[in-house]
Amino acid sequence: MDKLISQLHYGVFLNQKRKKYWVDKNNKNCFMLFARDLSITWAENDRHWRWFYQKETSTSDVSIEVAELVAVCWLELVGKFPVSKLSPSTLYEVVFIVMLREASFGWETAINLKLILPNGQKIERKETLMNKPRETWIEIPVGEFKASFDEQKTKNSGDLEIYIHEYDVGEWKRGLVVKGVAIRAKN
């Protein structure tokens, strides 16, 4: 039993390593949607995005696929996740986990981050990546929400929609490596 609990705290990979599920120290459900589980505009065009494998963490032997932005002027990543898989009555935070390459450019314009809750409520913010650290994983907060749903699958128990985009300015960008989106209980 201890081994099972330990495994749940470490995490279990799902959907051919497109997702990871773990239980935090307060026994709350947490998830990671890796880059392959996101809808990324132009992701299958190697002139715009490059896919490669990287160890999930420095202590892990498991490799996951990450996406590196080669060049786009239309940045758009979207994730969807069923709120019913989260722990009820729990405050969650949603963050994109990314890395900026040393030679990255085009990040002077703020990116748009948005959560759309199952009830239609939108949580939006902007963030400039220009002065963020390079060559290390960083977290870009999208927003926080309280997981609330009922067993009858009414308006509060649909999908959480998670967005990062910048396409209004049309400025070319490069050098963003996307690991994925973490949906985790806020302590």
N, C-alpha and C. Protein backbone atom coordinates (compact mmCIF):
# COMPACT_ATOMS: atom_id res chain seq x y z
N MET A 1 0.82 -1.20 0.00
CA MET A 1 0.00 0.00 0.00
C MET A 1 0.87 1.27 0.00
N ASP A 2 1.95 1.23 0.78
CA ASP A 2 2.85 2.39 0.83
C ASP A 2 3.46 2.68 -0.54
N LYS A 3 3.74 1.60 -1.28
CA LYS A 3 4.32 1.77 -2.61
C LYS A 3 3.33 2.47 -3.55
N LEU A 4 2.06 2.10 -3.45
CA LEU A 4 1.02 2.73 -4.27
C LEU A 4 0.88 4.21 -3.93
N ILE A 5 0.85 4.52 -2.65
CA ILE A 5 0.74 5.92 -2.21
C ILE A 5 1.95 6.71 -2.68
N SER A 6 3.12 6.11 -2.55
CA SER A 6 4.34 6.77 -3.01
C SER A 6 4.28 7.05 -4.51
N GLN A 7 3.78 6.07 -5.27
CA GLN A 7 3.66 6.23 -6.73
C GLN A 7 2.69 7.36 -7.07
N LEU A 8 1.58 7.46 -6.35
CA LEU A 8 0.60 8.52 -6.61
C LEU A 8 1.18 9.89 -6.28
N HIS A 9 2.02 9.98 -5.26
CA HIS A 9 2.65 11.26 -4.95
C HIS A 9 3.71 11.63 -5.99
N TYR A 10 4.41 10.62 -6.51
CA TYR A 10 5.40 10.85 -7.56
C TYR A 10 4.72 11.19 -8.88
N GLY A 11 3.65 10.47 -9.18
CA GLY A 11 2.90 10.73 -10.40
C GLY A 11 2.82 9.52 -11.32
N VAL A 12 1.73 9.47 -12.06
CA VAL A 12 1.46 8.39 -13.01
C VAL A 12 1.24 9.03 -14.38
N PHE A 13 1.92 8.52 -15.40
CA PHE A 13 1.76 9.04 -16.75
C PHE A 13 0.55 8.40 -17.41
N LEU A 14 -0.20 9.19 -18.15
CA LEU A 14 -1.43 8.75 -18.81
C LEU A 14 -1.39 9.10 -20.30
N ASN A 15 -2.22 8.44 -21.09
CA ASN A 15 -2.40 8.76 -22.52
C ASN A 15 -1.06 8.83 -23.27
N GLN A 16 -0.28 7.79 -23.22
CA GLN A 16 1.03 7.73 -23.89
C GLN A 16 1.92 8.92 -23.49
N LYS A 17 1.95 9.22 -22.21
CA LYS A 17 2.77 10.29 -21.63
C LYS A 17 2.38 11.67 -22.13
N ARG A 18 1.11 11.83 -22.46
CA ARG A 18 0.60 13.16 -22.82
C ARG A 18 0.09 13.90 -21.59
N LYS A 19 -0.16 13.15 -20.51
CA LYS A 19 -0.65 13.72 -19.25
C LYS A 19 0.07 13.03 -18.10
N LYS A 20 0.05 13.72 -16.96
CA LYS A 20 0.56 13.12 -15.73
C LYS A 20 -0.43 13.45 -14.62
N TYR A 21 -0.71 12.45 -13.80
CA TYR A 21 -1.61 12.61 -12.65
C TYR A 21 -0.80 12.36 -11.39
N TRP A 22 -1.00 13.22 -10.39
CA TRP A 22 -0.39 12.97 -9.08
C TRP A 22 -1.30 13.50 -7.99
N VAL A 23 -1.02 13.06 -6.78
CA VAL A 23 -1.76 13.49 -5.60
C VAL A 23 -0.77 14.29 -4.76
N ASP A 24 -1.15 15.52 -4.38
CA ASP A 24 -0.23 16.34 -3.60
C ASP A 24 -0.24 15.92 -2.13
N LYS A 25 0.52 16.63 -1.29
CA LYS A 25 0.66 16.24 0.12
C LYS A 25 -0.65 16.33 0.89
N ASN A 26 -1.63 17.08 0.37
CA ASN A 26 -2.95 17.17 1.00
C ASN A 26 -3.96 16.24 0.34
N ASN A 27 -3.45 15.29 -0.46
CA ASN A 27 -4.28 14.30 -1.17
C ASN A 27 -5.25 14.93 -2.17
N LYS A 28 -4.84 16.02 -2.79
CA LYS A 28 -5.63 16.68 -3.84
C LYS A 28 -5.13 16.22 -5.20
N ASN A 29 -6.06 16.00 -6.12
CA ASN A 29 -5.71 15.59 -7.49
C ASN A 29 -5.04 16.74 -8.23
N CYS A 30 -3.94 16.44 -8.91
CA CYS A 30 -3.22 17.42 -9.72
C CYS A 30 -2.89 16.78 -11.07
N PHE A 31 -2.78 17.61 -12.09
CA PHE A 31 -2.52 17.09 -13.43
C PHE A 31 -1.54 17.99 -14.18
N MET A 32 -0.81 17.36 -15.08
CA MET A 32 0.05 18.07 -16.02
C MET A 32 -0.40 17.66 -17.41
N LEU A 33 -0.70 18.64 -18.25
CA LEU A 33 -0.99 18.38 -19.66
C LEU A 33 0.28 18.72 -20.41
N PHE A 34 0.97 17.70 -20.91
CA PHE A 34 2.21 17.95 -21.63
C PHE A 34 1.91 18.54 -23.01
N ALA A 35 2.94 19.06 -23.65
CA ALA A 35 2.77 19.78 -24.92
C ALA A 35 1.98 18.98 -25.95
N ARG A 36 2.17 17.67 -26.03
CA ARG A 36 1.45 16.86 -27.02
C ARG A 36 -0.05 16.79 -26.74
N ASP A 37 -0.46 17.14 -25.54
CA ASP A 37 -1.88 17.12 -25.20
C ASP A 37 -2.55 18.47 -25.47
N LEU A 38 -1.74 19.46 -25.88
CA LEU A 38 -2.27 20.79 -26.18
C LEU A 38 -2.52 20.93 -27.68
N SER A 39 -3.42 21.80 -28.02
CA SER A 39 -3.63 22.16 -29.42
C SER A 39 -2.74 23.37 -29.69
N ILE A 40 -1.72 23.18 -30.52
CA ILE A 40 -0.76 24.24 -30.83
C ILE A 40 -0.86 24.55 -32.32
N THR A 41 -1.22 25.79 -32.63
CA THR A 41 -1.34 26.19 -34.03
C THR A 41 0.01 26.03 -34.73
N TRP A 42 0.01 25.39 -35.87
CA TRP A 42 1.18 25.11 -36.72
C TRP A 42 2.14 24.08 -36.10
N ALA A 43 1.72 23.34 -35.10
CA ALA A 43 2.62 22.43 -34.39
C ALA A 43 3.21 21.33 -35.26
N GLU A 44 2.50 20.91 -36.30
CA GLU A 44 3.01 19.82 -37.13
C GLU A 44 3.80 20.31 -38.34
N ASN A 45 4.04 21.60 -38.41
CA ASN A 45 4.85 22.18 -39.49
C ASN A 45 6.24 22.46 -38.94
N ASP A 46 7.25 21.72 -39.40
CA ASP A 46 8.59 21.85 -38.82
C ASP A 46 9.27 23.18 -39.14
N ARG A 47 8.66 24.01 -39.97
CA ARG A 47 9.18 25.37 -40.16
C ARG A 47 8.78 26.26 -38.98
N HIS A 48 7.78 25.81 -38.22
CA HIS A 48 7.26 26.63 -37.12
C HIS A 48 7.54 26.03 -35.74
N TRP A 49 7.46 24.72 -35.60
CA TRP A 49 7.68 24.05 -34.31
C TRP A 49 8.56 22.82 -34.51
N ARG A 50 9.36 22.53 -33.52
CA ARG A 50 10.22 21.34 -33.51
C ARG A 50 9.87 20.54 -32.26
N TRP A 51 9.65 19.25 -32.44
CA TRP A 51 9.33 18.36 -31.32
C TRP A 51 10.55 17.53 -30.97
N PHE A 52 10.82 17.38 -29.67
CA PHE A 52 11.91 16.51 -29.24
C PHE A 52 11.61 15.98 -27.84
N TYR A 53 12.34 14.94 -27.47
CA TYR A 53 12.14 14.31 -26.16
C TYR A 53 13.13 14.87 -25.15
N GLN A 54 12.64 15.01 -23.93
CA GLN A 54 13.47 15.50 -22.84
C GLN A 54 13.02 14.82 -21.56
N LYS A 55 13.95 14.61 -20.64
CA LYS A 55 13.57 14.01 -19.36
C LYS A 55 12.54 14.90 -18.68
N GLU A 56 11.53 14.26 -18.11
CA GLU A 56 10.43 15.00 -17.50
C GLU A 56 10.92 15.86 -16.34
N THR A 57 11.79 15.31 -15.50
CA THR A 57 12.42 16.08 -14.42
C THR A 57 13.88 15.64 -14.35
N SER A 58 14.67 16.36 -13.60
CA SER A 58 16.08 16.02 -13.49
C SER A 58 16.29 14.69 -12.77
N THR A 59 15.29 14.25 -11.99
CA THR A 59 15.42 13.00 -11.24
C THR A 59 14.67 11.85 -11.90
N SER A 60 14.11 12.08 -13.06
CA SER A 60 13.27 11.08 -13.73
C SER A 60 14.00 10.41 -14.88
N ASP A 61 13.68 9.15 -15.10
CA ASP A 61 14.19 8.45 -16.28
C ASP A 61 13.18 8.51 -17.42
N VAL A 62 12.03 9.12 -17.18
CA VAL A 62 10.95 9.17 -18.16
C VAL A 62 11.15 10.38 -19.07
N SER A 63 11.09 10.15 -20.38
CA SER A 63 11.20 11.25 -21.34
C SER A 63 9.81 11.60 -21.86
N ILE A 64 9.57 12.89 -21.99
CA ILE A 64 8.31 13.38 -22.54
C ILE A 64 8.64 14.26 -23.75
N GLU A 65 7.64 14.44 -24.60
CA GLU A 65 7.83 15.27 -25.78
C GLU A 65 7.55 16.73 -25.43
N VAL A 66 8.47 17.60 -25.85
CA VAL A 66 8.27 19.04 -25.68
C VAL A 66 8.30 19.68 -27.07
N ALA A 67 7.73 20.87 -27.16
CA ALA A 67 7.64 21.58 -28.44
C ALA A 67 8.47 22.86 -28.35
N GLU A 68 9.34 23.07 -29.33
CA GLU A 68 10.14 24.29 -29.39
C GLU A 68 9.70 25.14 -30.57
N LEU A 69 9.41 26.38 -30.28
CA LEU A 69 8.98 27.33 -31.30
C LEU A 69 10.18 27.71 -32.17
N VAL A 70 10.07 27.41 -33.46
CA VAL A 70 11.11 27.78 -34.43
C VAL A 70 10.85 29.20 -34.91
N ALA A 71 9.64 29.47 -35.39
CA ALA A 71 9.27 30.82 -35.82
C ALA A 71 7.78 30.86 -36.14
N VAL A 72 7.06 31.76 -35.48
CA VAL A 72 5.66 32.03 -35.81
C VAL A 72 5.36 33.50 -35.54
N CYS A 73 4.36 34.00 -36.22
CA CYS A 73 3.84 35.33 -35.89
C CYS A 73 2.42 35.18 -35.33
N TRP A 74 1.95 33.93 -35.24
CA TRP A 74 0.62 33.62 -34.71
C TRP A 74 0.81 32.57 -33.64
N LEU A 75 0.96 33.00 -32.39
CA LEU A 75 1.18 32.09 -31.27
C LEU A 75 -0.16 31.73 -30.65
N GLU A 76 -0.46 30.43 -30.62
CA GLU A 76 -1.72 30.00 -30.02
C GLU A 76 -1.60 28.56 -29.51
N LEU A 77 -1.78 28.41 -28.19
CA LEU A 77 -1.79 27.10 -27.55
C LEU A 77 -3.06 27.00 -26.72
N VAL A 78 -3.74 25.87 -26.82
CA VAL A 78 -5.00 25.69 -26.11
C VAL A 78 -5.00 24.31 -25.45
N GLY A 79 -5.42 24.29 -24.19
CA GLY A 79 -5.60 23.04 -23.48
C GLY A 79 -7.01 22.95 -22.95
N LYS A 80 -7.53 21.73 -22.87
CA LYS A 80 -8.86 21.51 -22.28
C LYS A 80 -8.74 20.39 -21.26
N PHE A 81 -9.48 20.56 -20.16
CA PHE A 81 -9.40 19.55 -19.11
C PHE A 81 -10.72 19.48 -18.35
N PRO A 82 -11.25 18.27 -18.11
CA PRO A 82 -12.52 18.13 -17.38
C PRO A 82 -12.36 18.45 -15.90
N VAL A 83 -13.09 19.44 -15.44
CA VAL A 83 -13.02 19.87 -14.04
C VAL A 83 -13.42 18.73 -13.10
N SER A 84 -14.25 17.81 -13.56
CA SER A 84 -14.73 16.72 -12.71
C SER A 84 -13.61 15.79 -12.23
N LYS A 85 -12.43 15.84 -12.85
CA LYS A 85 -11.31 15.02 -12.43
C LYS A 85 -10.52 15.66 -11.28
N LEU A 86 -10.84 16.91 -10.96
CA LEU A 86 -10.15 17.62 -9.89
C LEU A 86 -10.85 17.36 -8.55
N SER A 87 -10.17 17.73 -7.48
CA SER A 87 -10.75 17.57 -6.14
C SER A 87 -11.76 18.68 -5.90
N PRO A 88 -12.98 18.32 -5.47
CA PRO A 88 -14.02 19.34 -5.27
C PRO A 88 -13.66 20.33 -4.16
N SER A 89 -14.21 21.53 -4.28
CA SER A 89 -14.04 22.60 -3.28
C SER A 89 -12.57 22.89 -3.00
N THR A 90 -11.76 22.83 -4.02
CA THR A 90 -10.32 23.05 -3.88
C THR A 90 -9.89 24.20 -4.78
N LEU A 91 -9.05 25.09 -4.24
CA LEU A 91 -8.50 26.18 -5.02
C LEU A 91 -7.34 25.64 -5.86
N TYR A 92 -7.41 25.85 -7.16
CA TYR A 92 -6.38 25.38 -8.08
C TYR A 92 -5.69 26.57 -8.74
N GLU A 93 -4.42 26.35 -9.10
CA GLU A 93 -3.70 27.30 -9.92
C GLU A 93 -3.32 26.60 -11.22
N VAL A 94 -3.32 27.37 -12.30
CA VAL A 94 -2.97 26.85 -13.62
C VAL A 94 -1.76 27.64 -14.11
N VAL A 95 -0.70 26.92 -14.49
CA VAL A 95 0.52 27.58 -14.97
C VAL A 95 1.04 26.87 -16.21
N PHE A 96 1.52 27.65 -17.17
CA PHE A 96 2.27 27.09 -18.29
C PHE A 96 3.70 26.91 -17.83
N ILE A 97 4.32 25.80 -18.18
CA ILE A 97 5.72 25.56 -17.85
C ILE A 97 6.49 25.60 -19.17
N VAL A 98 7.36 26.60 -19.27
CA VAL A 98 8.06 26.88 -20.53
C VAL A 98 9.52 27.23 -20.25
N MET A 99 10.30 27.28 -21.31
CA MET A 99 11.68 27.72 -21.25
C MET A 99 11.92 28.64 -22.44
N LEU A 100 12.65 29.71 -22.21
CA LEU A 100 13.06 30.59 -23.30
C LEU A 100 14.52 30.30 -23.63
N ARG A 101 14.80 30.08 -24.89
CA ARG A 101 16.17 29.85 -25.33
C ARG A 101 16.95 31.17 -25.27
N GLU A 102 18.26 31.04 -25.18
CA GLU A 102 19.12 32.22 -25.14
C GLU A 102 18.91 33.09 -26.38
N ALA A 103 18.73 32.45 -27.53
CA ALA A 103 18.57 33.18 -28.80
C ALA A 103 17.11 33.49 -29.13
N SER A 104 16.24 33.42 -28.14
CA SER A 104 14.82 33.70 -28.42
C SER A 104 14.62 35.18 -28.74
N PHE A 105 13.58 35.46 -29.51
CA PHE A 105 13.26 36.86 -29.81
C PHE A 105 11.77 37.00 -30.07
N GLY A 106 11.30 38.26 -30.09
CA GLY A 106 9.90 38.55 -30.38
C GLY A 106 9.01 38.59 -29.15
N TRP A 107 9.60 38.68 -27.97
CA TRP A 107 8.81 38.60 -26.74
C TRP A 107 8.60 39.96 -26.08
N GLU A 108 8.83 41.05 -26.84
CA GLU A 108 8.59 42.39 -26.30
C GLU A 108 7.10 42.62 -26.06
N THR A 109 6.27 42.07 -26.93
CA THR A 109 4.82 42.21 -26.81
C THR A 109 4.31 41.19 -25.79
N ALA A 110 3.45 41.64 -24.90
CA ALA A 110 2.89 40.75 -23.88
C ALA A 110 2.07 39.64 -24.52
N ILE A 111 2.15 38.46 -23.93
CA ILE A 111 1.30 37.35 -24.36
C ILE A 111 0.01 37.39 -23.55
N ASN A 112 -1.04 36.84 -24.12
CA ASN A 112 -2.35 36.80 -23.47
C ASN A 112 -2.55 35.42 -22.87
N LEU A 113 -2.98 35.38 -21.61
CA LEU A 113 -3.26 34.13 -20.91
C LEU A 113 -4.71 34.16 -20.49
N LYS A 114 -5.39 33.03 -20.66
CA LYS A 114 -6.82 33.02 -20.36
C LYS A 114 -7.26 31.65 -19.88
N LEU A 115 -8.13 31.66 -18.87
CA LEU A 115 -8.85 30.47 -18.42
C LEU A 115 -10.32 30.72 -18.68
N ILE A 116 -11.00 29.73 -19.21
CA ILE A 116 -12.46 29.81 -19.30
C ILE A 116 -13.00 28.65 -18.48
N LEU A 117 -13.75 28.98 -17.44
CA LEU A 117 -14.32 27.98 -16.55
C LEU A 117 -15.58 27.38 -17.19
N PRO A 118 -16.00 26.20 -16.74
CA PRO A 118 -17.19 25.56 -17.33
C PRO A 118 -18.44 26.43 -17.29
N ASN A 119 -18.54 27.33 -16.32
CA ASN A 119 -19.72 28.21 -16.23
C ASN A 119 -19.60 29.42 -17.14
N GLY A 120 -18.52 29.50 -17.94
CA GLY A 120 -18.34 30.61 -18.88
C GLY A 120 -17.51 31.76 -18.34
N GLN A 121 -17.22 31.76 -17.04
CA GLN A 121 -16.40 32.83 -16.46
C GLN A 121 -15.00 32.81 -17.08
N LYS A 122 -14.50 34.00 -17.44
CA LYS A 122 -13.17 34.13 -18.03
C LYS A 122 -12.23 34.80 -17.03
N ILE A 123 -11.04 34.26 -16.94
CA ILE A 123 -9.97 34.85 -16.14
C ILE A 123 -8.86 35.15 -17.13
N GLU A 124 -8.52 36.43 -17.29
CA GLU A 124 -7.54 36.82 -18.30
C GLU A 124 -6.45 37.69 -17.70
N ARG A 125 -5.26 37.56 -18.25
CA ARG A 125 -4.14 38.41 -17.87
C ARG A 125 -3.12 38.44 -19.01
N LYS A 126 -2.19 39.37 -18.91
CA LYS A 126 -1.11 39.49 -19.90
C LYS A 126 0.22 39.38 -19.17
N GLU A 127 1.22 38.92 -19.88
CA GLU A 127 2.55 38.84 -19.30
C GLU A 127 3.59 39.02 -20.39
N THR A 128 4.62 39.80 -20.08
CA THR A 128 5.74 40.01 -20.99
C THR A 128 6.85 39.03 -20.63
N LEU A 129 7.38 38.34 -21.62
CA LEU A 129 8.42 37.34 -21.37
C LEU A 129 9.83 37.88 -21.63
N MET A 130 9.92 39.10 -22.12
CA MET A 130 11.19 39.68 -22.56
C MET A 130 12.31 39.53 -21.52
N ASN A 131 12.02 39.81 -20.26
CA ASN A 131 13.07 39.81 -19.24
C ASN A 131 13.07 38.56 -18.37
N LYS A 132 12.41 37.52 -18.82
CA LYS A 132 12.38 36.27 -18.06
C LYS A 132 13.72 35.54 -18.22
N PRO A 133 14.07 34.71 -17.24
CA PRO A 133 15.33 33.95 -17.34
C PRO A 133 15.35 33.06 -18.58
N ARG A 134 16.55 32.80 -19.07
CA ARG A 134 16.73 31.97 -20.26
C ARG A 134 17.31 30.61 -19.85
N GLU A 135 17.02 29.60 -20.69
CA GLU A 135 17.59 28.25 -20.56
C GLU A 135 17.26 27.56 -19.24
N THR A 136 16.13 27.91 -18.64
CA THR A 136 15.65 27.23 -17.44
C THR A 136 14.13 27.21 -17.48
N TRP A 137 13.53 26.16 -16.93
CA TRP A 137 12.07 26.09 -16.91
C TRP A 137 11.51 27.16 -16.00
N ILE A 138 10.51 27.87 -16.49
CA ILE A 138 9.83 28.89 -15.70
C ILE A 138 8.33 28.62 -15.74
N GLU A 139 7.64 29.17 -14.77
CA GLU A 139 6.19 29.03 -14.71
C GLU A 139 5.54 30.36 -15.05
N ILE A 140 4.57 30.31 -15.94
CA ILE A 140 3.80 31.50 -16.29
C ILE A 140 2.38 31.27 -15.78
N PRO A 141 2.00 32.00 -14.72
CA PRO A 141 0.65 31.80 -14.16
C PRO A 141 -0.43 32.22 -15.14
N VAL A 142 -1.46 31.38 -15.25
CA VAL A 142 -2.61 31.71 -16.08
C VAL A 142 -3.72 32.25 -15.19
N GLY A 143 -3.99 31.56 -14.09
CA GLY A 143 -5.03 32.01 -13.17
C GLY A 143 -5.34 30.97 -12.12
N GLU A 144 -6.26 31.33 -11.25
CA GLU A 144 -6.71 30.45 -10.18
C GLU A 144 -8.22 30.31 -10.25
N PHE A 145 -8.71 29.17 -9.77
CA PHE A 145 -10.16 28.94 -9.72
C PHE A 145 -10.45 27.89 -8.66
N LYS A 146 -11.66 27.88 -8.20
CA LYS A 146 -12.09 26.87 -7.24
C LYS A 146 -12.85 25.79 -7.99
N ALA A 147 -12.39 24.55 -7.85
CA ALA A 147 -13.06 23.43 -8.50
C ALA A 147 -14.38 23.18 -7.79
N SER A 148 -15.46 23.40 -8.51
CA SER A 148 -16.78 23.13 -7.94
C SER A 148 -17.63 22.52 -9.03
N PHE A 149 -18.21 21.39 -8.72
CA PHE A 149 -19.06 20.69 -9.68
C PHE A 149 -19.97 19.76 -8.91
N ASP A 150 -20.95 19.24 -9.60
CA ASP A 150 -21.83 18.27 -8.95
C ASP A 150 -21.90 17.01 -9.79
N GLU A 151 -22.40 15.98 -9.20
CA GLU A 151 -22.43 14.68 -9.86
C GLU A 151 -23.38 14.64 -11.05
N GLN A 152 -24.33 15.57 -11.12
CA GLN A 152 -25.29 15.56 -12.23
C GLN A 152 -24.72 16.19 -13.50
N LYS A 153 -23.46 16.63 -13.45
CA LYS A 153 -22.79 17.19 -14.63
C LYS A 153 -23.52 18.41 -15.18
N THR A 154 -23.86 19.31 -14.31
CA THR A 154 -24.54 20.53 -14.75
C THR A 154 -23.51 21.56 -15.19
N LYS A 155 -23.92 22.82 -15.26
CA LYS A 155 -23.10 23.86 -15.88
C LYS A 155 -21.72 24.04 -15.27
N ASN A 156 -21.51 23.62 -14.03
CA ASN A 156 -20.20 23.81 -13.40
C ASN A 156 -19.26 22.62 -13.61
N SER A 157 -19.67 21.62 -14.36
CA SER A 157 -18.82 20.44 -14.48
C SER A 157 -18.49 20.11 -15.93
N GLY A 158 -17.99 21.05 -16.65
CA GLY A 158 -17.54 20.81 -18.03
C GLY A 158 -16.04 20.88 -18.09
N ASP A 159 -15.54 21.37 -19.21
CA ASP A 159 -14.10 21.48 -19.41
C ASP A 159 -13.59 22.85 -19.01
N LEU A 160 -12.41 22.84 -18.42
CA LEU A 160 -11.64 24.04 -18.19
C LEU A 160 -10.86 24.28 -19.49
N GLU A 161 -10.89 25.50 -20.02
CA GLU A 161 -10.15 25.82 -21.24
C GLU A 161 -9.00 26.76 -20.86
N ILE A 162 -7.82 26.45 -21.37
CA ILE A 162 -6.60 27.16 -20.99
C ILE A 162 -5.94 27.67 -22.27
N TYR A 163 -5.64 28.96 -22.31
CA TYR A 163 -5.10 29.57 -23.54
C TYR A 163 -3.83 30.37 -23.25
N ILE A 164 -2.94 30.35 -24.22
CA ILE A 164 -1.85 31.31 -24.30
C ILE A 164 -1.80 31.72 -25.78
N HIS A 165 -1.83 33.02 -26.03
CA HIS A 165 -1.81 33.44 -27.43
C HIS A 165 -1.28 34.86 -27.58
N GLU A 166 -0.78 35.14 -28.76
CA GLU A 166 -0.41 36.49 -29.18
C GLU A 166 -0.38 36.46 -30.70
N TYR A 167 -1.39 37.06 -31.30
CA TYR A 167 -1.45 37.12 -32.76
C TYR A 167 -1.97 38.46 -33.25
N ASP A 168 -2.23 39.38 -32.35
CA ASP A 168 -2.76 40.68 -32.75
C ASP A 168 -1.69 41.57 -33.39
N VAL A 169 -0.47 41.50 -32.86
CA VAL A 169 0.61 42.38 -33.33
C VAL A 169 1.26 41.83 -34.60
N GLY A 170 1.32 40.52 -34.74
CA GLY A 170 1.94 39.91 -35.92
C GLY A 170 3.45 39.91 -35.87
N GLU A 171 4.02 40.03 -34.69
CA GLU A 171 5.47 40.05 -34.52
C GLU A 171 6.00 38.61 -34.49
N TRP A 172 7.06 38.36 -35.25
CA TRP A 172 7.65 37.02 -35.29
C TRP A 172 8.33 36.71 -33.97
N LYS A 173 8.20 35.45 -33.56
CA LYS A 173 8.76 34.98 -32.30
C LYS A 173 9.51 33.68 -32.54
N ARG A 174 10.46 33.43 -31.65
CA ARG A 174 11.16 32.14 -31.67
C ARG A 174 11.73 31.85 -30.29
N GLY A 175 12.07 30.58 -30.08
CA GLY A 175 12.82 30.22 -28.88
C GLY A 175 12.02 29.89 -27.64
N LEU A 176 10.73 29.64 -27.76
CA LEU A 176 9.92 29.23 -26.61
C LEU A 176 9.80 27.71 -26.63
N VAL A 177 10.21 27.06 -25.55
CA VAL A 177 10.06 25.61 -25.42
C VAL A 177 8.90 25.36 -24.47
N VAL A 178 7.94 24.57 -24.91
CA VAL A 178 6.73 24.33 -24.12
C VAL A 178 6.76 22.92 -23.55
N LYS A 179 6.78 22.84 -22.23
CA LYS A 179 6.67 21.54 -21.55
C LYS A 179 5.20 21.18 -21.38
N GLY A 180 4.38 22.16 -20.95
CA GLY A 180 2.96 21.90 -20.80
C GLY A 180 2.28 22.84 -19.83
N VAL A 181 1.14 22.37 -19.31
CA VAL A 181 0.32 23.15 -18.38
C VAL A 181 0.11 22.33 -17.12
N ALA A 182 0.42 22.91 -15.97
CA ALA A 182 0.16 22.25 -14.69
C ALA A 182 -1.14 22.80 -14.11
N ILE A 183 -1.98 21.89 -13.64
CA ILE A 183 -3.22 22.23 -12.93
C ILE A 183 -3.07 21.61 -11.56
N ARG A 184 -2.76 22.43 -10.57
CA ARG A 184 -2.43 21.87 -9.26
C ARG A 184 -3.11 22.64 -8.14
N ALA A 185 -3.38 21.91 -7.08
CA ALA A 185 -4.00 22.52 -5.91
C ALA A 185 -3.05 23.56 -5.34
N LYS A 186 -3.61 24.70 -4.98
CA LYS A 186 -2.80 25.78 -4.42
C LYS A 186 -2.71 25.58 -2.92
N ASN A 187 -1.50 25.56 -2.41
CA ASN A 187 -1.29 25.34 -0.97
C ASN A 187 -1.26 26.64 -0.21
